[in-house]
């Protein structure tokens, strides 16, 4: 946040709760403000073991939830730092 005026947190699947906690802590402590919250459903290829497939690896396609949280630097950012 010191270097950029805004940041976008991206999370897939179970990581969404961690992104929400991180965003909420930044807002609660006065470092950031919410700009936009977005949810999407995306297709992710998975290998035979159910893990996300690496490039070139064949697998089946499943849908996962994706969360995007856009935050901007708060007006009092420098004071709170």
PDB file of N, CA and C in Angstrom:
ATOM      1  N   UNK A   1       0.819  -1.187   0.000  1.00  0.00           N
ATOM      2  CA  UNK A   1       0.000   0.000   0.000  1.00  0.00           C
ATOM      3  C   UNK A   1       0.871   1.262   0.000  1.00  0.00           C
ATOM      4  N   UNK A   2       2.077   1.170   0.529  1.00  0.00           N
ATOM      5  CA  UNK A   2       2.946   2.350   0.508  1.00  0.00           C
ATOM      6  C   UNK A   2       3.341   2.708  -0.922  1.00  0.00           C
ATOM      7  N   UNK A   3       3.534   1.706  -1.764  1.00  0.00           N
ATOM      8  CA  UNK A   3       4.027   1.931  -3.109  1.00  0.00           C
ATOM      9  C   UNK A   3       2.920   2.227  -4.116  1.00  0.00           C
ATOM     10  N   UNK A   4       1.739   1.625  -3.923  1.00  0.00           N
ATOM     11  CA  UNK A   4       0.629   1.769  -4.865  1.00  0.00           C
ATOM     12  C   UNK A   4      -0.604   2.330  -4.154  1.00  0.00           C
ATOM     13  N   UNK A   5      -1.444   3.019  -4.898  1.00  0.00           N
ATOM     14  CA  UNK A   5      -2.649   3.601  -4.303  1.00  0.00           C
ATOM     15  C   UNK A   5      -3.785   2.606  -4.166  1.00  0.00           C
ATOM     16  N   UNK A   6      -3.720   1.507  -4.900  1.00  0.00           N
ATOM     17  CA  UNK A   6      -4.759   0.492  -4.778  1.00  0.00           C
ATOM     18  C   UNK A   6      -4.152  -0.891  -4.930  1.00  0.00           C
ATOM     19  N   UNK A   7      -4.904  -1.877  -4.451  1.00  0.00           N
ATOM     20  CA  UNK A   7      -4.459  -3.268  -4.516  1.00  0.00           C
ATOM     21  C   UNK A   7      -5.694  -4.143  -4.729  1.00  0.00           C
ATOM     22  N   UNK A   8      -5.511  -5.244  -5.458  1.00  0.00           N
ATOM     23  CA  UNK A   8      -6.598  -6.196  -5.678  1.00  0.00           C
ATOM     24  C   UNK A   8      -6.168  -7.532  -5.079  1.00  0.00           C
ATOM     25  N   UNK A   9      -6.966  -8.031  -4.147  1.00  0.00           N
ATOM     26  CA  UNK A   9      -6.722  -9.343  -3.555  1.00  0.00           C
ATOM     27  C   UNK A   9      -7.543 -10.353  -4.333  1.00  0.00           C
ATOM     28  N   UNK A  10      -6.888 -11.411  -4.829  1.00  0.00           N
ATOM     29  CA  UNK A  10      -7.545 -12.490  -5.586  1.00  0.00           C
ATOM     30  C   UNK A  10      -7.475 -13.761  -4.764  1.00  0.00           C
ATOM     31  N   UNK A  11      -8.577 -14.497  -4.719  1.00  0.00           N
ATOM     32  CA  UNK A  11      -8.580 -15.756  -3.984  1.00  0.00           C
ATOM     33  C   UNK A  11      -9.469 -16.762  -4.695  1.00  0.00           C
ATOM     34  N   UNK A  12      -9.038 -18.020  -4.650  1.00  0.00           N
ATOM     35  CA  UNK A  12      -9.808 -19.129  -5.229  1.00  0.00           C
ATOM     36  C   UNK A  12     -10.229 -20.093  -4.128  1.00  0.00           C
ATOM     37  N   UNK A  13     -11.436 -20.611  -4.249  1.00  0.00           N
ATOM     38  CA  UNK A  13     -11.898 -21.670  -3.351  1.00  0.00           C
ATOM     39  C   UNK A  13     -11.807 -21.311  -1.887  1.00  0.00           C
ATOM     40  N   UNK A  14     -11.140 -22.190  -1.122  1.00  0.00           N
ATOM     41  CA  UNK A  14     -11.059 -22.023   0.327  1.00  0.00           C
ATOM     42  C   UNK A  14     -10.203 -20.834   0.766  1.00  0.00           C
ATOM     43  N   UNK A  15      -9.405 -20.292  -0.122  1.00  0.00           N
ATOM     44  CA  UNK A  15      -8.553 -19.155   0.224  1.00  0.00           C
ATOM     45  C   UNK A  15      -9.345 -17.852   0.341  1.00  0.00           C
ATOM     46  N   UNK A  16     -10.621 -17.882  -0.043  1.00  0.00           N
ATOM     47  CA  UNK A  16     -11.421 -16.658   0.007  1.00  0.00           C
ATOM     48  C   UNK A  16     -11.542 -16.127   1.429  1.00  0.00           C
ATOM     49  N   UNK A  17     -11.654 -17.005   2.411  1.00  0.00           N
ATOM     50  CA  UNK A  17     -11.780 -16.540   3.800  1.00  0.00           C
ATOM     51  C   UNK A  17     -10.515 -15.820   4.258  1.00  0.00           C
ATOM     52  N   UNK A  18      -9.353 -16.261   3.800  1.00  0.00           N
ATOM     53  CA  UNK A  18      -8.096 -15.607   4.168  1.00  0.00           C
ATOM     54  C   UNK A  18      -8.018 -14.219   3.536  1.00  0.00           C
ATOM     55  N   UNK A  19      -8.459 -14.096   2.283  1.00  0.00           N
ATOM     56  CA  UNK A  19      -8.458 -12.790   1.610  1.00  0.00           C
ATOM     57  C   UNK A  19      -9.403 -11.822   2.306  1.00  0.00           C
ATOM     58  N   UNK A  20     -10.562 -12.308   2.734  1.00  0.00           N
ATOM     59  CA  UNK A  20     -11.522 -11.457   3.444  1.00  0.00           C
ATOM     60  C   UNK A  20     -10.939 -10.983   4.770  1.00  0.00           C
ATOM     61  N   UNK A  21     -10.289 -11.871   5.502  1.00  0.00           N
ATOM     62  CA  UNK A  21      -9.668 -11.504   6.784  1.00  0.00           C
ATOM     63  C   UNK A  21      -8.576 -10.465   6.570  1.00  0.00           C
ATOM     64  N   UNK A  22      -7.739 -10.653   5.549  1.00  0.00           N
ATOM     65  CA  UNK A  22      -6.665  -9.691   5.261  1.00  0.00           C
ATOM     66  C   UNK A  22      -7.234  -8.328   4.895  1.00  0.00           C
ATOM     67  N   UNK A  23      -8.248  -8.300   4.039  1.00  0.00           N
ATOM     68  CA  UNK A  23      -8.865  -7.038   3.636  1.00  0.00           C
ATOM     69  C   UNK A  23      -9.510  -6.353   4.830  1.00  0.00           C
ATOM     70  N   UNK A  24     -10.222  -7.116   5.643  1.00  0.00           N
ATOM     71  CA  UNK A  24     -10.901  -6.540   6.804  1.00  0.00           C
ATOM     72  C   UNK A  24      -9.907  -5.947   7.794  1.00  0.00           C
ATOM     73  N   UNK A  25      -8.772  -6.601   7.984  1.00  0.00           N
ATOM     74  CA  UNK A  25      -7.743  -6.069   8.882  1.00  0.00           C
ATOM     75  C   UNK A  25      -7.160  -4.759   8.347  1.00  0.00           C
ATOM     76  N   UNK A  26      -6.932  -4.673   7.043  1.00  0.00           N
ATOM     77  CA  UNK A  26      -6.421  -3.434   6.459  1.00  0.00           C
ATOM     78  C   UNK A  26      -7.421  -2.291   6.610  1.00  0.00           C
ATOM     79  N   UNK A  27      -8.694  -2.586   6.417  1.00  0.00           N
ATOM     80  CA  UNK A  27      -9.734  -1.556   6.540  1.00  0.00           C
ATOM     81  C   UNK A  27      -9.922  -1.168   8.009  1.00  0.00           C
ATOM     82  N   UNK A  28     -10.015  -2.155   8.877  1.00  0.00           N
ATOM     83  CA  UNK A  28     -10.252  -1.895  10.300  1.00  0.00           C
ATOM     84  C   UNK A  28      -9.133  -1.061  10.930  1.00  0.00           C
ATOM     85  N   UNK A  29      -7.903  -1.284  10.489  1.00  0.00           N
ATOM     86  CA  UNK A  29      -6.771  -0.549  11.057  1.00  0.00           C
ATOM     87  C   UNK A  29      -6.504   0.777  10.356  1.00  0.00           C
ATOM     88  N   UNK A  30      -7.358   1.146   9.407  1.00  0.00           N
ATOM     89  CA  UNK A  30      -7.272   2.464   8.788  1.00  0.00           C
ATOM     90  C   UNK A  30      -6.256   2.599   7.670  1.00  0.00           C
ATOM     91  N   UNK A  31      -5.786   1.485   7.111  1.00  0.00           N
ATOM     92  CA  UNK A  31      -4.823   1.544   6.018  1.00  0.00           C
ATOM     93  C   UNK A  31      -5.486   1.596   4.651  1.00  0.00           C
ATOM     94  N   UNK A  32      -6.688   1.035   4.544  1.00  0.00           N
ATOM     95  CA  UNK A  32      -7.346   0.924   3.238  1.00  0.00           C
ATOM     96  C   UNK A  32      -8.843   1.143   3.360  1.00  0.00           C
ATOM     97  N   UNK A  33      -9.468   1.337   2.195  1.00  0.00           N
ATOM     98  CA  UNK A  33     -10.921   1.447   2.091  1.00  0.00           C
ATOM     99  C   UNK A  33     -11.380   0.524   0.975  1.00  0.00           C
ATOM    100  N   UNK A  34     -12.565  -0.050   1.155  1.00  0.00           N
ATOM    101  CA  UNK A  34     -13.116  -0.916   0.122  1.00  0.00           C
ATOM    102  C   UNK A  34     -13.508  -0.096  -1.097  1.00  0.00           C
ATOM    103  N   UNK A  35     -13.180  -0.596  -2.287  1.00  0.00           N
ATOM    104  CA  UNK A  35     -13.585   0.020  -3.544  1.00  0.00           C
ATOM    105  C   UNK A  35     -14.611  -0.873  -4.226  1.00  0.00           C
ATOM    106  N   UNK A  36     -14.272  -2.177  -4.333  1.00  0.00           N
ATOM    107  CA  UNK A  36     -15.150  -3.089  -5.059  1.00  0.00           C
ATOM    108  C   UNK A  36     -14.954  -4.517  -4.566  1.00  0.00           C
ATOM    109  N   UNK A  37     -16.047  -5.256  -4.495  1.00  0.00           N
ATOM    110  CA  UNK A  37     -16.037  -6.687  -4.197  1.00  0.00           C
ATOM    111  C   UNK A  37     -16.677  -7.395  -5.379  1.00  0.00           C
ATOM    112  N   UNK A  38     -15.993  -8.414  -5.900  1.00  0.00           N
ATOM    113  CA  UNK A  38     -16.492  -9.151  -7.061  1.00  0.00           C
ATOM    114  C   UNK A  38     -16.378 -10.638  -6.805  1.00  0.00           C
ATOM    115  N   UNK A  39     -17.357 -11.386  -7.254  1.00  0.00           N
ATOM    116  CA  UNK A  39     -17.253 -12.839  -7.223  1.00  0.00           C
ATOM    117  C   UNK A  39     -17.461 -13.359  -8.638  1.00  0.00           C
ATOM    118  N   UNK A  40     -16.735 -14.406  -8.955  1.00  0.00           N
ATOM    119  CA  UNK A  40     -16.829 -15.035 -10.267  1.00  0.00           C
ATOM    120  C   UNK A  40     -16.764 -16.539 -10.094  1.00  0.00           C
ATOM    121  N   UNK A  41     -17.230 -17.238 -11.084  1.00  0.00           N
ATOM    122  CA  UNK A  41     -17.035 -18.680 -11.157  1.00  0.00           C
ATOM    123  C   UNK A  41     -16.161 -18.931 -12.370  1.00  0.00           C
ATOM    124  N   UNK A  42     -15.008 -19.585 -12.137  1.00  0.00           N
ATOM    125  CA  UNK A  42     -14.067 -19.815 -13.229  1.00  0.00           C
ATOM    126  C   UNK A  42     -13.843 -21.312 -13.411  1.00  0.00           C
ATOM    127  N   UNK A  43     -13.405 -21.697 -14.604  1.00  0.00           N
ATOM    128  CA  UNK A  43     -13.064 -23.082 -14.897  1.00  0.00           C
ATOM    129  C   UNK A  43     -11.598 -23.316 -14.564  1.00  0.00           C
ATOM    130  N   UNK A  44     -11.335 -24.379 -13.808  1.00  0.00           N
ATOM    131  CA  UNK A  44      -9.968 -24.734 -13.417  1.00  0.00           C
ATOM    132  C   UNK A  44      -9.747 -26.188 -13.802  1.00  0.00           C
ATOM    133  N   UNK A  45      -8.653 -26.463 -14.495  1.00  0.00           N
ATOM    134  CA  UNK A  45      -8.334 -27.846 -14.849  1.00  0.00           C
ATOM    135  C   UNK A  45      -7.677 -28.523 -13.657  1.00  0.00           C
ATOM    136  N   UNK A  46      -8.130 -29.739 -13.366  1.00  0.00           N
ATOM    137  CA  UNK A  46      -7.562 -30.500 -12.261  1.00  0.00           C
ATOM    138  C   UNK A  46      -7.003 -31.815 -12.778  1.00  0.00           C
ATOM    139  N   UNK A  47      -5.915 -32.266 -12.154  1.00  0.00           N
ATOM    140  CA  UNK A  47      -5.326 -33.535 -12.560  1.00  0.00           C
ATOM    141  C   UNK A  47      -6.100 -34.698 -11.942  1.00  0.00           C
ATOM    142  N   UNK A  48      -5.632 -35.894 -12.120  1.00  0.00           N
ATOM    143  CA  UNK A  48      -6.348 -37.087 -11.643  1.00  0.00           C
ATOM    144  C   UNK A  48      -6.475 -37.129 -10.126  1.00  0.00           C
ATOM    145  N   UNK A  49      -5.563 -36.499  -9.423  1.00  0.00           N
ATOM    146  CA  UNK A  49      -5.596 -36.501  -7.956  1.00  0.00           C
ATOM    147  C   UNK A  49      -6.468 -35.385  -7.382  1.00  0.00           C
ATOM    148  N   UNK A  50      -7.071 -34.572  -8.250  1.00  0.00           N
ATOM    149  CA  UNK A  50      -7.950 -33.510  -7.782  1.00  0.00           C
ATOM    150  C   UNK A  50      -7.249 -32.194  -7.530  1.00  0.00           C
ATOM    151  N   UNK A  51      -5.949 -32.137  -7.803  1.00  0.00           N
ATOM    152  CA  UNK A  51      -5.192 -30.896  -7.625  1.00  0.00           C
ATOM    153  C   UNK A  51      -5.236 -30.084  -8.913  1.00  0.00           C
ATOM    154  N   UNK A  52      -5.011 -28.774  -8.790  1.00  0.00           N
ATOM    155  CA  UNK A  52      -4.983 -27.926  -9.984  1.00  0.00           C
ATOM    156  C   UNK A  52      -3.877 -28.410 -10.912  1.00  0.00           C
ATOM    157  N   UNK A  53      -4.216 -28.596 -12.172  1.00  0.00           N
ATOM    158  CA  UNK A  53      -3.261 -29.115 -13.150  1.00  0.00           C
ATOM    159  C   UNK A  53      -2.203 -28.078 -13.481  1.00  0.00           C
ATOM    160  N   UNK A  54      -0.979 -28.555 -13.694  1.00  0.00           N
ATOM    161  CA  UNK A  54       0.106 -27.670 -14.113  1.00  0.00           C
ATOM    162  C   UNK A  54       0.061 -27.539 -15.629  1.00  0.00           C
ATOM    163  N   UNK A  55       0.772 -26.563 -16.146  1.00  0.00           N
ATOM    164  CA  UNK A  55       0.765 -26.317 -17.584  1.00  0.00           C
ATOM    165  C   UNK A  55       1.209 -27.573 -18.337  1.00  0.00           C
ATOM    166  N   UNK A  56       0.445 -27.936 -19.354  1.00  0.00           N
ATOM    167  CA  UNK A  56       0.763 -29.102 -20.163  1.00  0.00           C
ATOM    168  C   UNK A  56       0.202 -30.403 -19.623  1.00  0.00           C
ATOM    169  N   UNK A  57      -0.323 -30.384 -18.417  1.00  0.00           N
ATOM    170  CA  UNK A  57      -0.877 -31.580 -17.790  1.00  0.00           C
ATOM    171  C   UNK A  57      -2.363 -31.694 -18.148  1.00  0.00           C
ATOM    172  N   UNK A  58      -2.786 -32.889 -18.535  1.00  0.00           N
ATOM    173  CA  UNK A  58      -4.188 -33.082 -18.889  1.00  0.00           C
ATOM    174  C   UNK A  58      -5.007 -33.368 -17.641  1.00  0.00           C
ATOM    175  N   UNK A  59      -6.243 -32.949 -17.688  1.00  0.00           N
ATOM    176  CA  UNK A  59      -7.120 -33.197 -16.552  1.00  0.00           C
ATOM    177  C   UNK A  59      -8.541 -32.830 -16.894  1.00  0.00           C
ATOM    178  N   UNK A  60      -9.379 -32.858 -15.902  1.00  0.00           N
ATOM    179  CA  UNK A  60     -10.773 -32.488 -16.112  1.00  0.00           C
ATOM    180  C   UNK A  60     -10.986 -31.057 -15.634  1.00  0.00           C
ATOM    181  N   UNK A  61     -12.001 -30.425 -16.158  1.00  0.00           N
ATOM    182  CA  UNK A  61     -12.296 -29.041 -15.806  1.00  0.00           C
ATOM    183  C   UNK A  61     -13.380 -29.012 -14.738  1.00  0.00           C
ATOM    184  N   UNK A  62     -13.132 -28.238 -13.692  1.00  0.00           N
ATOM    185  CA  UNK A  62     -14.107 -28.030 -12.625  1.00  0.00           C
ATOM    186  C   UNK A  62     -14.271 -26.542 -12.424  1.00  0.00           C
ATOM    187  N   UNK A  63     -15.361 -26.156 -11.830  1.00  0.00           N
ATOM    188  CA  UNK A  63     -15.594 -24.750 -11.552  1.00  0.00           C
ATOM    189  C   UNK A  63     -15.255 -24.442 -10.106  1.00  0.00           C
ATOM    190  N   UNK A  64     -14.617 -23.275  -9.895  1.00  0.00           N
ATOM    191  CA  UNK A  64     -14.278 -22.820  -8.555  1.00  0.00           C
ATOM    192  C   UNK A  64     -14.723 -21.381  -8.392  1.00  0.00           C
ATOM    193  N   UNK A  65     -15.003 -21.030  -7.161  1.00  0.00           N
ATOM    194  CA  UNK A  65     -15.369 -19.656  -6.844  1.00  0.00           C
ATOM    195  C   UNK A  65     -14.111 -18.802  -6.776  1.00  0.00           C
ATOM    196  N   UNK A  66     -14.179 -17.607  -7.340  1.00  0.00           N
ATOM    197  CA  UNK A  66     -13.064 -16.670  -7.294  1.00  0.00           C
ATOM    198  C   UNK A  66     -13.565 -15.361  -6.702  1.00  0.00           C
ATOM    199  N   UNK A  67     -12.812 -14.814  -5.772  1.00  0.00           N
ATOM    200  CA  UNK A  67     -13.157 -13.557  -5.119  1.00  0.00           C
ATOM    201  C   UNK A  67     -12.096 -12.522  -5.453  1.00  0.00           C
ATOM    202  N   UNK A  68     -12.542 -11.327  -5.827  1.00  0.00           N
ATOM    203  CA  UNK A  68     -11.639 -10.210  -6.076  1.00  0.00           C
ATOM    204  C   UNK A  68     -12.054  -9.059  -5.167  1.00  0.00           C
ATOM    205  N   UNK A  69     -11.145  -8.594  -4.339  1.00  0.00           N
ATOM    206  CA  UNK A  69     -11.405  -7.477  -3.434  1.00  0.00           C
ATOM    207  C   UNK A  69     -10.468  -6.343  -3.830  1.00  0.00           C
ATOM    208  N   UNK A  70     -11.037  -5.217  -4.226  1.00  0.00           N
ATOM    209  CA  UNK A  70     -10.239  -4.050  -4.593  1.00  0.00           C
ATOM    210  C   UNK A  70     -10.245  -3.075  -3.425  1.00  0.00           C
ATOM    211  N   UNK A  71      -9.040  -2.698  -2.989  1.00  0.00           N
ATOM    212  CA  UNK A  71      -8.870  -1.759  -1.884  1.00  0.00           C
ATOM    213  C   UNK A  71      -8.084  -0.552  -2.372  1.00  0.00           C
ATOM    214  N   UNK A  72      -8.382   0.608  -1.802  1.00  0.00           N
ATOM    215  CA  UNK A  72      -7.580   1.797  -2.094  1.00  0.00           C
ATOM    216  C   UNK A  72      -6.977   2.301  -0.792  1.00  0.00           C
ATOM    217  N   UNK A  73      -5.916   3.038  -0.938  1.00  0.00           N
ATOM    218  CA  UNK A  73      -5.232   3.612   0.218  1.00  0.00           C
ATOM    219  C   UNK A  73      -6.190   4.567   0.923  1.00  0.00           C
ATOM    220  N   UNK A  74      -6.263   4.492   2.251  1.00  0.00           N
ATOM    221  CA  UNK A  74      -7.168   5.361   2.998  1.00  0.00           C
ATOM    222  C   UNK A  74      -6.634   6.790   3.031  1.00  0.00           C
ATOM    223  N   UNK A  75      -7.521   7.712   3.340  1.00  0.00           N
ATOM    224  CA  UNK A  75      -7.111   9.131   3.424  1.00  0.00           C
ATOM    225  C   UNK A  75      -6.104   9.354   4.542  1.00  0.00           C
ATOM    226  N   UNK A  76      -6.197   8.563   5.603  1.00  0.00           N
ATOM    227  CA  UNK A  76      -5.303   8.696   6.761  1.00  0.00           C
ATOM    228  C   UNK A  76      -4.179   7.675   6.754  1.00  0.00           C
ATOM    229  N   UNK A  77      -3.848   7.144   5.603  1.00  0.00           N
ATOM    230  CA  UNK A  77      -2.848   6.084   5.507  1.00  0.00           C
ATOM    231  C   UNK A  77      -1.511   6.498   6.107  1.00  0.00           C
ATOM    232  N   UNK A  78      -1.008   7.663   5.719  1.00  0.00           N
ATOM    233  CA  UNK A  78       0.303   8.097   6.205  1.00  0.00           C
ATOM    234  C   UNK A  78       0.303   8.314   7.712  1.00  0.00           C
ATOM    235  N   UNK A  79      -0.769   8.829   8.268  1.00  0.00           N
ATOM    236  CA  UNK A  79      -0.865   9.015   9.723  1.00  0.00           C
ATOM    237  C   UNK A  79      -0.872   7.677  10.447  1.00  0.00           C
ATOM    238  N   UNK A  80      -1.584   6.704   9.882  1.00  0.00           N
ATOM    239  CA  UNK A  80      -1.688   5.397  10.524  1.00  0.00           C
ATOM    240  C   UNK A  80      -0.417   4.583  10.408  1.00  0.00           C
ATOM    241  N   UNK A  81       0.417   4.876   9.436  1.00  0.00           N
ATOM    242  CA  UNK A  81       1.683   4.158   9.297  1.00  0.00           C
ATOM    243  C   UNK A  81       2.648   4.619  10.365  1.00  0.00           C
TER     244      UNK A  81
END
